[in-house]
C-alpha atoms as a PDB file:
ATOM      1  CA  UNK A   1     157.905 113.328  70.726  1.00  0.00           C
ATOM      2  CA  UNK A   2     154.228 114.200  70.134  1.00  0.00           C
ATOM      3  CA  UNK A   3     152.342 115.237  73.237  1.00  0.00           C
ATOM      4  CA  UNK A   4     149.763 112.526  74.357  1.00  0.00           C
ATOM      5  CA  UNK A   5     146.532 113.952  74.990  1.00  0.00           C
ATOM      6  CA  UNK A   6     144.801 112.783  78.064  1.00  0.00           C
ATOM      7  CA  UNK A   7     141.510 111.063  77.286  1.00  0.00           C
ATOM      8  CA  UNK A   8     138.401 112.572  78.838  1.00  0.00           C
ATOM      9  CA  UNK A   9     136.497 110.882  81.795  1.00  0.00           C
ATOM     10  CA  UNK A  10     134.067 108.969  81.143  1.00  0.00           C
ATOM     11  CA  UNK A  11     130.889 109.577  83.029  1.00  0.00           C
ATOM     12  CA  UNK A  12     128.501 108.101  85.229  1.00  0.00           C
ATOM     13  CA  UNK A  13     125.003 109.284  85.904  1.00  0.00           C
ATOM     14  CA  UNK A  14     123.365 108.107  89.354  1.00  0.00           C
ATOM     15  CA  UNK A  15     119.517 107.876  88.944  1.00  0.00           C
ATOM     16  CA  UNK A  16     116.389 107.143  90.625  1.00  0.00           C
ATOM     17  CA  UNK A  17     113.525 106.014  88.814  1.00  0.00           C
ATOM     18  CA  UNK A  18     111.499 108.069  91.632  1.00  0.00           C
ATOM     19  CA  UNK A  19     112.309 111.141  90.740  1.00  0.00           C
ATOM     20  CA  UNK A  20     109.828 113.126  87.994  1.00  0.00           C
ATOM     21  CA  UNK A  21     111.370 112.649  84.668  1.00  0.00           C
ATOM     22  CA  UNK A  22     113.345 110.581  85.093  1.00  0.00           C
ATOM     23  CA  UNK A  23     111.625 108.080  81.972  1.00  0.00           C
ATOM     24  CA  UNK A  24     112.546 110.868  80.282  1.00  0.00           C
ATOM     25  CA  UNK A  25     116.087 112.136  81.501  1.00  0.00           C
ATOM     26  CA  UNK A  26     117.395 107.895  80.618  1.00  0.00           C
ATOM     27  CA  UNK A  27     115.610 107.641  77.379  1.00  0.00           C
ATOM     28  CA  UNK A  28     117.507 110.565  75.977  1.00  0.00           C
ATOM     29  CA  UNK A  29     120.705 109.423  77.976  1.00  0.00           C
ATOM     30  CA  UNK A  30     120.305 106.384  76.139  1.00  0.00           C
ATOM     31  CA  UNK A  31     120.297 107.520  72.769  1.00  0.00           C
ATOM     32  CA  UNK A  32     123.845 107.976  73.279  1.00  0.00           C
ATOM     33  CA  UNK A  33     125.350 104.245  71.685  1.00  0.00           C
ATOM     34  CA  UNK A  34     128.687 104.440  74.691  1.00  0.00           C
ATOM     35  CA  UNK A  35     125.963 104.405  77.561  1.00  0.00           C
ATOM     36  CA  UNK A  36     124.863 101.284  79.238  1.00  0.00           C
ATOM     37  CA  UNK A  37     122.211 100.970  81.215  1.00  0.00           C
ATOM     38  CA  UNK A  38     123.257  99.508  84.928  1.00  0.00           C
ATOM     39  CA  UNK A  39     120.461  97.771  87.205  1.00  0.00           C
ATOM     40  CA  UNK A  40     121.391  98.010  90.882  1.00  0.00           C
ATOM     41  CA  UNK A  41     118.173  96.784  92.519  1.00  0.00           C
ATOM     42  CA  UNK A  42     118.361  93.647  94.594  1.00  0.00           C
ATOM     43  CA  UNK A  43     115.087  92.693  92.868  1.00  0.00           C
ATOM     44  CA  UNK A  44     114.653  94.605  89.524  1.00  0.00           C
ATOM     45  CA  UNK A  45     110.542  94.975  90.257  1.00  0.00           C
ATOM     46  CA  UNK A  46     108.610  97.427  89.579  1.00  0.00           C
ATOM     47  CA  UNK A  47     104.622  98.648  89.959  1.00  0.00           C
ATOM     48  CA  UNK A  48     105.683 100.861  86.988  1.00  0.00           C
ATOM     49  CA  UNK A  49     105.400  98.623  84.477  1.00  0.00           C
ATOM     50  CA  UNK A  50     107.920 100.930  82.579  1.00  0.00           C
ATOM     51  CA  UNK A  51     110.728 100.118  84.978  1.00  0.00           C
ATOM     52  CA  UNK A  52     110.354  96.886  84.560  1.00  0.00           C
ATOM     53  CA  UNK A  53     113.595  94.078  83.926  1.00  0.00           C
ATOM     54  CA  UNK A  54     110.801  92.458  80.872  1.00  0.00           C
ATOM     55  CA  UNK A  55     110.821  96.433  79.743  1.00  0.00           C
ATOM     56  CA  UNK A  56     114.006  97.943  80.034  1.00  0.00           C
ATOM     57  CA  UNK A  57     115.498  94.321  78.387  1.00  0.00           C
ATOM     58  CA  UNK A  58     113.101  94.751  75.827  1.00  0.00           C
ATOM     59  CA  UNK A  59     114.027  98.592  75.169  1.00  0.00           C
ATOM     60  CA  UNK A  60     117.837  99.112  76.024  1.00  0.00           C
ATOM     61  CA  UNK A  61     118.678  95.380  74.585  1.00  0.00           C
ATOM     62  CA  UNK A  62     122.214  94.336  75.564  1.00  0.00           C
ATOM     63  CA  UNK A  63     123.066  97.678  76.262  1.00  0.00           C
ATOM     64  CA  UNK A  64     120.444  97.518  79.616  1.00  0.00           C
ATOM     65  CA  UNK A  65     123.291  94.897  82.254  1.00  0.00           C
ATOM     66  CA  UNK A  66     121.422  93.440  85.641  1.00  0.00           C
ATOM     67  CA  UNK A  67     123.673  94.021  87.993  1.00  0.00           C
ATOM     68  CA  UNK A  68     121.439  93.437  90.828  1.00  0.00           C
ATOM     69  CA  UNK A  69     123.368  90.108  92.055  1.00  0.00           C
ATOM     70  CA  UNK A  70     126.757  92.009  92.769  1.00  0.00           C
ATOM     71  CA  UNK A  71     125.798  95.550  93.219  1.00  0.00           C
ATOM     72  CA  UNK A  72     122.425  95.229  94.438  1.00  0.00           C
ATOM     73  CA  UNK A  73     121.446  96.067  98.577  1.00  0.00           C
ATOM     74  CA  UNK A  74     120.582  92.838 100.544  1.00  0.00           C
ATOM     75  CA  UNK A  75     118.068  95.607 102.625  1.00  0.00           C
ATOM     76  CA  UNK A  76     116.472  96.976 100.502  1.00  0.00           C
ATOM     77  CA  UNK A  77     113.467  96.665 102.362  1.00  0.00           C
ATOM     78  CA  UNK A  78     115.078  98.482 105.241  1.00  0.00           C
ATOM     79  CA  UNK A  79     118.028  98.142 107.385  1.00  0.00           C
ATOM     80  CA  UNK A  80     122.045  99.389 106.631  1.00  0.00           C
ATOM     81  CA  UNK A  81     123.094  99.131 103.314  1.00  0.00           C
ATOM     82  CA  UNK A  82     124.275  96.217 102.678  1.00  0.00           C
ATOM     83  CA  UNK A  83     126.347  95.323  98.358  1.00  0.00           C
ATOM     84  CA  UNK A  84     125.613  92.043  97.441  1.00  0.00           C
ATOM     85  CA  UNK A  85     128.650  91.285  95.915  1.00  0.00           C
ATOM     86  CA  UNK A  86     130.429  94.893  95.423  1.00  0.00           C
ATOM     87  CA  UNK A  87     134.203  93.879  94.633  1.00  0.00           C
ATOM     88  CA  UNK A  88     132.562  91.717  91.676  1.00  0.00           C
ATOM     89  CA  UNK A  89     130.331  94.337  91.174  1.00  0.00           C
ATOM     90  CA  UNK A  90     132.954  97.477  91.349  1.00  0.00           C
ATOM     91  CA  UNK A  91     135.760  95.210  88.787  1.00  0.00           C
ATOM     92  CA  UNK A  92     132.888  95.333  86.430  1.00  0.00           C
ATOM     93  CA  UNK A  93     132.155  98.818  86.392  1.00  0.00           C
ATOM     94  CA  UNK A  94     135.577  99.101  85.673  1.00  0.00           C
ATOM     95  CA  UNK A  95     135.447  96.623  82.903  1.00  0.00           C
ATOM     96  CA  UNK A  96     133.246  98.701  80.450  1.00  0.00           C
ATOM     97  CA  UNK A  97     134.628 102.171  81.888  1.00  0.00           C
ATOM     98  CA  UNK A  98     137.746 100.740  80.466  1.00  0.00           C
ATOM     99  CA  UNK A  99     135.869  99.821  77.340  1.00  0.00           C
ATOM    100  CA  UNK A 100     134.802 103.366  76.065  1.00  0.00           C
ATOM    101  CA  UNK A 101     131.508 102.814  78.216  1.00  0.00           C
ATOM    102  CA  UNK A 102     129.200 105.897  79.831  1.00  0.00           C
ATOM    103  CA  UNK A 103     127.367 104.154  82.449  1.00  0.00           C
ATOM    104  CA  UNK A 104     123.889 104.545  84.120  1.00  0.00           C
ATOM    105  CA  UNK A 105     123.596 103.083  87.655  1.00  0.00           C
ATOM    106  CA  UNK A 106     119.774 102.517  88.010  1.00  0.00           C
ATOM    107  CA  UNK A 107     117.664 102.599  91.035  1.00  0.00           C
ATOM    108  CA  UNK A 108     113.811 103.634  92.408  1.00  0.00           C
ATOM    109  CA  UNK A 109     114.869 105.588  95.656  1.00  0.00           C
ATOM    110  CA  UNK A 110     114.515 109.208  95.308  1.00  0.00           C
ATOM    111  CA  UNK A 111     116.849 110.708  97.385  1.00  0.00           C
ATOM    112  CA  UNK A 112     120.768 109.513  95.782  1.00  0.00           C
ATOM    113  CA  UNK A 113     122.845 110.327  99.327  1.00  0.00           C
ATOM    114  CA  UNK A 114     121.027 108.127 101.190  1.00  0.00           C
ATOM    115  CA  UNK A 115     120.375 105.413  98.560  1.00  0.00           C
ATOM    116  CA  UNK A 116     123.534 102.513  98.133  1.00  0.00           C
ATOM    117  CA  UNK A 117     123.312 104.163  94.848  1.00  0.00           C
ATOM    118  CA  UNK A 118     126.127 106.515  96.638  1.00  0.00           C
ATOM    119  CA  UNK A 119     127.856 103.461  98.330  1.00  0.00           C
ATOM    120  CA  UNK A 120     128.457 102.879  94.919  1.00  0.00           C
ATOM    121  CA  UNK A 121     129.761 105.916  93.340  1.00  0.00           C
ATOM    122  CA  UNK A 122     131.724 106.464  96.482  1.00  0.00           C
ATOM    123  CA  UNK A 123     133.637 102.680  95.792  1.00  0.00           C
ATOM    124  CA  UNK A 124     134.236 103.234  92.616  1.00  0.00           C
ATOM    125  CA  UNK A 125     136.022 106.101  92.846  1.00  0.00           C
ATOM    126  CA  UNK A 126     138.872 104.330  95.158  1.00  0.00           C
ATOM    127  CA  UNK A 127     139.046 102.120  91.619  1.00  0.00           C
ATOM    128  CA  UNK A 128     139.179 105.100  89.159  1.00  0.00           C
ATOM    129  CA  UNK A 129     138.637 108.308  88.149  1.00  0.00           C
ATOM    130  CA  UNK A 130     134.915 109.605  86.832  1.00  0.00           C
ATOM    131  CA  UNK A 131     132.820 112.238  85.994  1.00  0.00           C
ATOM    132  CA  UNK A 132     129.905 111.596  88.209  1.00  0.00           C
ATOM    133  CA  UNK A 133     126.454 114.104  87.200  1.00  0.00           C
ATOM    134  CA  UNK A 134     123.802 114.073  89.311  1.00  0.00           C
ATOM    135  CA  UNK A 135     119.992 114.961  87.589  1.00  0.00           C
ATOM    136  CA  UNK A 136     119.549 118.296  86.993  1.00  0.00           C
ATOM    137  CA  UNK A 137     116.716 121.142  87.858  1.00  0.00           C
ATOM    138  CA  UNK A 138     115.214 119.708  84.184  1.00  0.00           C
ATOM    139  CA  UNK A 139     115.724 116.142  85.329  1.00  0.00           C
ATOM    140  CA  UNK A 140     114.044 116.365  88.065  1.00  0.00           C
ATOM    141  CA  UNK A 141     110.757 117.528  86.817  1.00  0.00           C
ATOM    142  CA  UNK A 142     107.780 119.468  88.622  1.00  0.00           C
ATOM    143  CA  UNK A 143     108.387 119.074  92.706  1.00  0.00           C
ATOM    144  CA  UNK A 144     107.312 116.159  93.939  1.00  0.00           C
ATOM    145  CA  UNK A 145     105.973 115.149  98.286  1.00  0.00           C
ATOM    146  CA  UNK A 146     106.694 111.892  99.776  1.00  0.00           C
ATOM    147  CA  UNK A 147     103.737 109.181 100.328  1.00  0.00           C
ATOM    148  CA  UNK A 148     103.602 105.420 101.721  1.00  0.00           C
ATOM    149  CA  UNK A 149     100.192 103.300 101.735  1.00  0.00           C
ATOM    150  CA  UNK A 150      98.838 102.330 104.713  1.00  0.00           C
ATOM    151  CA  UNK A 151      95.706 100.169 105.438  1.00  0.00           C
ATOM    152  CA  UNK A 152      92.171 101.523 105.905  1.00  0.00           C
ATOM    153  CA  UNK A 153      91.273 101.593 108.687  1.00  0.00           C
ATOM    154  CA  UNK A 154      94.468 103.142 110.087  1.00  0.00           C
ATOM    155  CA  UNK A 155      94.937 105.788 106.990  1.00  0.00           C
ATOM    156  CA  UNK A 156      91.961 107.285 108.257  1.00  0.00           C
ATOM    157  CA  UNK A 157      92.093 107.138 111.798  1.00  0.00           C
ATOM    158  CA  UNK A 158      96.131 108.408 111.419  1.00  0.00           C
ATOM    159  CA  UNK A 159      95.288 111.218 109.473  1.00  0.00           C
ATOM    160  CA  UNK A 160      91.525 112.498 112.272  1.00  0.00           C
ATOM    161  CA  UNK A 161      93.848 112.937 115.379  1.00  0.00           C
ATOM    162  CA  UNK A 162      90.916 116.179 116.659  1.00  0.00           C
ATOM    163  CA  UNK A 163      88.155 113.857 116.217  1.00  0.00           C
ATOM    164  CA  UNK A 164      89.558 111.274 119.125  1.00  0.00           C
ATOM    165  CA  UNK A 165      90.987 114.414 121.101  1.00  0.00           C
ATOM    166  CA  UNK A 166      87.318 115.957 120.986  1.00  0.00           C
ATOM    167  CA  UNK A 167      85.882 112.454 122.636  1.00  0.00           C
ATOM    168  CA  UNK A 168      88.327 111.947 125.010  1.00  0.00           C
ATOM    169  CA  UNK A 169      90.101 109.061 123.800  1.00  0.00           C
ATOM    170  CA  UNK A 170      93.883 109.174 122.722  1.00  0.00           C
ATOM    171  CA  UNK A 171      94.609 109.432 118.286  1.00  0.00           C
ATOM    172  CA  UNK A 172      96.626 107.014 116.422  1.00  0.00           C
ATOM    173  CA  UNK A 173     100.342 109.021 115.868  1.00  0.00           C
ATOM    174  CA  UNK A 174     101.661 105.158 115.158  1.00  0.00           C
ATOM    175  CA  UNK A 175     101.496 103.388 111.814  1.00  0.00           C
ATOM    176  CA  UNK A 176     102.903  99.759 112.837  1.00  0.00           C
ATOM    177  CA  UNK A 177     105.999  98.348 110.717  1.00  0.00           C
ATOM    178  CA  UNK A 178     107.835  96.113 110.108  1.00  0.00           C
ATOM    179  CA  UNK A 179     110.672  97.790 108.580  1.00  0.00           C
ATOM    180  CA  UNK A 180     112.610 101.396 109.108  1.00  0.00           C
ATOM    181  CA  UNK A 181     112.483 104.537 106.962  1.00  0.00           C
ATOM    182  CA  UNK A 182     115.329 107.063 107.984  1.00  0.00           C
ATOM    183  CA  UNK A 183     112.989 109.699 106.071  1.00  0.00           C
ATOM    184  CA  UNK A 184     111.900 112.622 108.456  1.00  0.00           C
ATOM    185  CA  UNK A 185     109.552 115.585 107.484  1.00  0.00           C
ATOM    186  CA  UNK A 186     106.136 115.774 105.340  1.00  0.00           C
ATOM    187  CA  UNK A 187     104.353 112.784 104.663  1.00  0.00           C
ATOM    188  CA  UNK A 188     101.627 112.307 102.801  1.00  0.00           C
ATOM    189  CA  UNK A 189      99.174 109.404 104.309  1.00  0.00           C
ATOM    190  CA  UNK A 190      97.589 107.326 101.270  1.00  0.00           C
ATOM    191  CA  UNK A 191      95.091 104.642 101.462  1.00  0.00           C
ATOM    192  CA  UNK A 192      95.815 101.251 100.649  1.00  0.00           C
ATOM    193  CA  UNK A 193      93.563  99.570  98.285  1.00  0.00           C
ATOM    194  CA  UNK A 194      93.353  97.090 100.854  1.00  0.00           C
ATOM    195  CA  UNK A 195      91.176  96.814 104.153  1.00  0.00           C
ATOM    196  CA  UNK A 196      92.405  95.106 107.519  1.00  0.00           C
ATOM    197  CA  UNK A 197      88.593  93.806 107.870  1.00  0.00           C
ATOM    198  CA  UNK A 198      89.323  92.650 111.624  1.00  0.00           C
ATOM    199  CA  UNK A 199      90.659  96.128 112.648  1.00  0.00           C
ATOM    200  CA  UNK A 200      87.485  98.588 113.237  1.00  0.00           C
ATOM    201  CA  UNK A 201      85.873  95.301 116.327  1.00  0.00           C
ATOM    202  CA  UNK A 202      89.292  94.081 117.713  1.00  0.00           C
ATOM    203  CA  UNK A 203      90.254  98.450 118.526  1.00  0.00           C
ATOM    204  CA  UNK A 204      86.355  98.717 119.867  1.00  0.00           C
ATOM    205  CA  UNK A 205      87.222  95.351 122.069  1.00  0.00           C
ATOM    206  CA  UNK A 206      90.471  96.990 123.647  1.00  0.00           C
ATOM    207  CA  UNK A 207      88.221 100.442 123.678  1.00  0.00           C
ATOM    208  CA  UNK A 208      84.576 100.587 123.401  1.00  0.00           C
ATOM    209  CA  UNK A 209      84.799 104.119 123.547  1.00  0.00           C
ATOM    210  CA  UNK A 210      85.799 104.879 120.270  1.00  0.00           C
ATOM    211  CA  UNK A 211      82.266 103.163 118.557  1.00  0.00           C
ATOM    212  CA  UNK A 212      80.876 106.370 119.139  1.00  0.00           C
ATOM    213  CA  UNK A 213      84.708 108.452 117.428  1.00  0.00           C
ATOM    214  CA  UNK A 214      85.062 105.883 114.409  1.00  0.00           C
ATOM    215  CA  UNK A 215      82.959 104.785 111.442  1.00  0.00           C
ATOM    216  CA  UNK A 216      81.886 101.570 111.916  1.00  0.00           C
ATOM    217  CA  UNK A 217      81.017 100.924 108.501  1.00  0.00           C
ATOM    218  CA  UNK A 218      83.900  99.856 106.139  1.00  0.00           C
ATOM    219  CA  UNK A 219      82.239 101.582 102.891  1.00  0.00           C
ATOM    220  CA  UNK A 220      82.742 104.258 104.965  1.00  0.00           C
ATOM    221  CA  UNK A 221      86.441 104.869 104.703  1.00  0.00           C
ATOM    222  CA  UNK A 222      88.383 105.530 100.918  1.00  0.00           C
ATOM    223  CA  UNK A 223      90.577 103.757  99.516  1.00  0.00           C
ATOM    224  CA  UNK A 224      92.773 103.749  96.498  1.00  0.00           C
ATOM    225  CA  UNK A 225      93.542 107.474  97.711  1.00  0.00           C
ATOM    226  CA  UNK A 226      95.516 110.665  99.423  1.00  0.00           C
ATOM    227  CA  UNK A 227      93.233 110.605 102.541  1.00  0.00           C
ATOM    228  CA  UNK A 228      95.998 113.340 105.070  1.00  0.00           C
ATOM    229  CA  UNK A 229      98.920 114.309 105.460  1.00  0.00           C
ATOM    230  CA  UNK A 230     101.203 114.671 108.532  1.00  0.00           C
ATOM    231  CA  UNK A 231     105.024 115.116 109.474  1.00  0.00           C
ATOM    232  CA  UNK A 232     107.054 111.894 110.684  1.00  0.00           C
ATOM    233  CA  UNK A 233     109.383 112.627 113.678  1.00  0.00           C
ATOM    234  CA  UNK A 234     110.989 109.874 114.397  1.00  0.00           C
ATOM    235  CA  UNK A 235     110.882 105.457 114.650  1.00  0.00           C
ATOM    236  CA  UNK A 236     110.010 103.816 117.494  1.00  0.00           C
ATOM    237  CA  UNK A 237     110.748 100.075 118.319  1.00  0.00           C
ATOM    238  CA  UNK A 238     109.414 100.080 122.152  1.00  0.00           C
ATOM    239  CA  UNK A 239     106.544 102.644 123.333  1.00  0.00           C
ATOM    240  CA  UNK A 240     104.016 102.286 125.498  1.00  0.00           C
ATOM    241  CA  UNK A 241     101.278 104.154 123.577  1.00  0.00           C
ATOM    242  CA  UNK A 242      98.588 101.353 123.344  1.00  0.00           C
ATOM    243  CA  UNK A 243      98.457 101.803 119.849  1.00  0.00           C
ATOM    244  CA  UNK A 244     102.427 100.948 119.287  1.00  0.00           C
ATOM    245  CA  UNK A 245     101.399  96.624 118.211  1.00  0.00           C
ATOM    246  CA  UNK A 246     104.427  96.105 115.345  1.00  0.00           C
ATOM    247  CA  UNK A 247     108.034  95.468 114.692  1.00  0.00           C
ATOM    248  CA  UNK A 248     108.652  99.183 114.341  1.00  0.00           C
ATOM    249  CA  UNK A 249     106.598 102.416 114.670  1.00  0.00           C
ATOM    250  CA  UNK A 250     105.753 105.392 112.750  1.00  0.00           C
ATOM    251  CA  UNK A 251     105.551 108.512 114.720  1.00  0.00           C
ATOM    252  CA  UNK A 252     103.002 111.286 113.217  1.00  0.00           C
ATOM    253  CA  UNK A 253     102.654 114.677 114.546  1.00  0.00           C
ATOM    254  CA  UNK A 254     100.877 117.284 113.159  1.00  0.00           C
ATOM    255  CA  UNK A 255      98.850 115.265 111.430  1.00  0.00           C
ATOM    256  CA  UNK A 256      94.976 116.467 109.158  1.00  0.00           C
ATOM    257  CA  UNK A 257      92.779 115.308 106.529  1.00  0.00           C
ATOM    258  CA  UNK A 258      92.884 116.148 103.017  1.00  0.00           C
ATOM    259  CA  UNK A 259      89.519 115.435 100.645  1.00  0.00           C
ATOM    260  CA  UNK A 260      90.628 112.396  99.025  1.00  0.00           C
ATOM    261  CA  UNK A 261      92.746 112.286  95.916  1.00  0.00           C
ATOM    262  CA  UNK A 262      92.396 109.409  94.038  1.00  0.00           C
ATOM    263  CA  UNK A 263      96.275 108.090  92.862  1.00  0.00           C
ATOM    264  CA  UNK A 264      98.041 104.948  92.757  1.00  0.00           C
ATOM    265  CA  UNK A 265     100.209 103.287  95.659  1.00  0.00           C
ATOM    266  CA  UNK A 266     103.246 102.086  95.729  1.00  0.00           C
ATOM    267  CA  UNK A 267     105.274  99.917  98.012  1.00  0.00           C
ATOM    268  CA  UNK A 268     107.359 101.716 100.436  1.00  0.00           C
ATOM    269  CA  UNK A 269     107.750 105.668 100.247  1.00  0.00           C
ATOM    270  CA  UNK A 270     106.816 107.137  97.025  1.00  0.00           C
ATOM    271  CA  UNK A 271     106.942 110.458  95.252  1.00  0.00           C
ATOM    272  CA  UNK A 272     103.640 111.850  94.532  1.00  0.00           C
ATOM    273  CA  UNK A 273     103.463 115.196  92.019  1.00  0.00           C
ATOM    274  CA  UNK A 274     102.589 118.460  94.067  1.00  0.00           C
ATOM    275  CA  UNK A 275     100.691 119.489  92.248  1.00  0.00           C
ATOM    276  CA  UNK A 276      97.584 117.392  93.334  1.00  0.00           C
ATOM    277  CA  UNK A 277      97.792 119.176  96.644  1.00  0.00           C
ATOM    278  CA  UNK A 278      97.539 122.761  95.121  1.00  0.00           C
ATOM    279  CA  UNK A 279      93.838 122.901  95.227  1.00  0.00           C
ATOM    280  CA  UNK A 280      94.061 122.240  99.071  1.00  0.00           C
ATOM    281  CA  UNK A 281      96.788 123.970 100.332  1.00  0.00           C
ATOM    282  CA  UNK A 282      98.326 127.651  99.835  1.00  0.00           C
ATOM    283  CA  UNK A 283     100.937 127.175  96.511  1.00  0.00           C
ATOM    284  CA  UNK A 284     103.936 128.033  99.918  1.00  0.00           C
ATOM    285  CA  UNK A 285     102.542 125.395 101.895  1.00  0.00           C
ATOM    286  CA  UNK A 286     102.952 122.943  98.802  1.00  0.00           C
ATOM    287  CA  UNK A 287     106.106 124.362  98.128  1.00  0.00           C
ATOM    288  CA  UNK A 288     107.585 124.261 101.246  1.00  0.00           C
ATOM    289  CA  UNK A 289     106.823 120.054 101.815  1.00  0.00           C
ATOM    290  CA  UNK A 290     108.978 119.282  98.312  1.00  0.00           C
ATOM    291  CA  UNK A 291     112.130 117.713  98.612  1.00  0.00           C
ATOM    292  CA  UNK A 292     113.738 119.883  96.854  1.00  0.00           C
ATOM    293  CA  UNK A 293     113.049 122.911  98.713  1.00  0.00           C
ATOM    294  CA  UNK A 294     114.265 120.818 102.195  1.00  0.00           C
ATOM    295  CA  UNK A 295     116.786 119.054 103.139  1.00  0.00           C
ATOM    296  CA  UNK A 296     115.861 115.521 103.740  1.00  0.00           C
ATOM    297  CA  UNK A 297     117.059 111.847 104.763  1.00  0.00           C
ATOM    298  CA  UNK A 298     114.755 109.671 102.461  1.00  0.00           C
ATOM    299  CA  UNK A 299     114.958 105.833 102.481  1.00  0.00           C
ATOM    300  CA  UNK A 300     112.137 103.749 102.776  1.00  0.00           C
END
């Protein structure tokens, strides 16, 4: 009786397109005819046209499969990971694997270990055997530093604590938010395109001394640019800090300003090429800030 050859394991590639080089990496994988791109985002939208549902459908046709209704994270805007319909979703992945396909599991999150892609893979491994292949350094490309878009004037105030301290005023070290993040570590402060037009009058009304400390003219505040850097050390839902007025507060330390670097912001946490910082920070400092050089947990 001839010996039966063991079939090779099908492959699963979890990919977060927040990493540098993701587009080229996915394009390379999709040159294989037996590869499916499984979009696991609950909401398949993106600030980047390259990762929008319509673009991916046009590029890959029937090999692009929307799975967010089953495998999407219901709490993608914040909170514990909860898949929409994991039983149905995992059954679908198993069926694709049985049909001889390898799979790319797509999401935006850069950090696999805090993304719902890991939950999907863990559930899949309970049902079948697959080879899970993470993107290597070549796919990740250049080093990146994480950033968050913040309305002005708050981005400016957060990045200039020394100005407040020199005037004997408690500096703004809390960014008020509606959601939470597990990210801890260095964070670029990005000034978004929008401006809170009531902020200056409102806060000067609460603390008249601010009038001598902060720019009172909105034109003095840079928008659409990286304006500072700080360490995110915690998230609170209660605080006696007078700057805390939100549902949650992101607590920063060691903030300082940077010369503005024009850069388009994104919703939630997003990566920025470290090369943009090299002109203002020593190379060793830039390298120490990148996610690949230090262990972090990150999910906006």
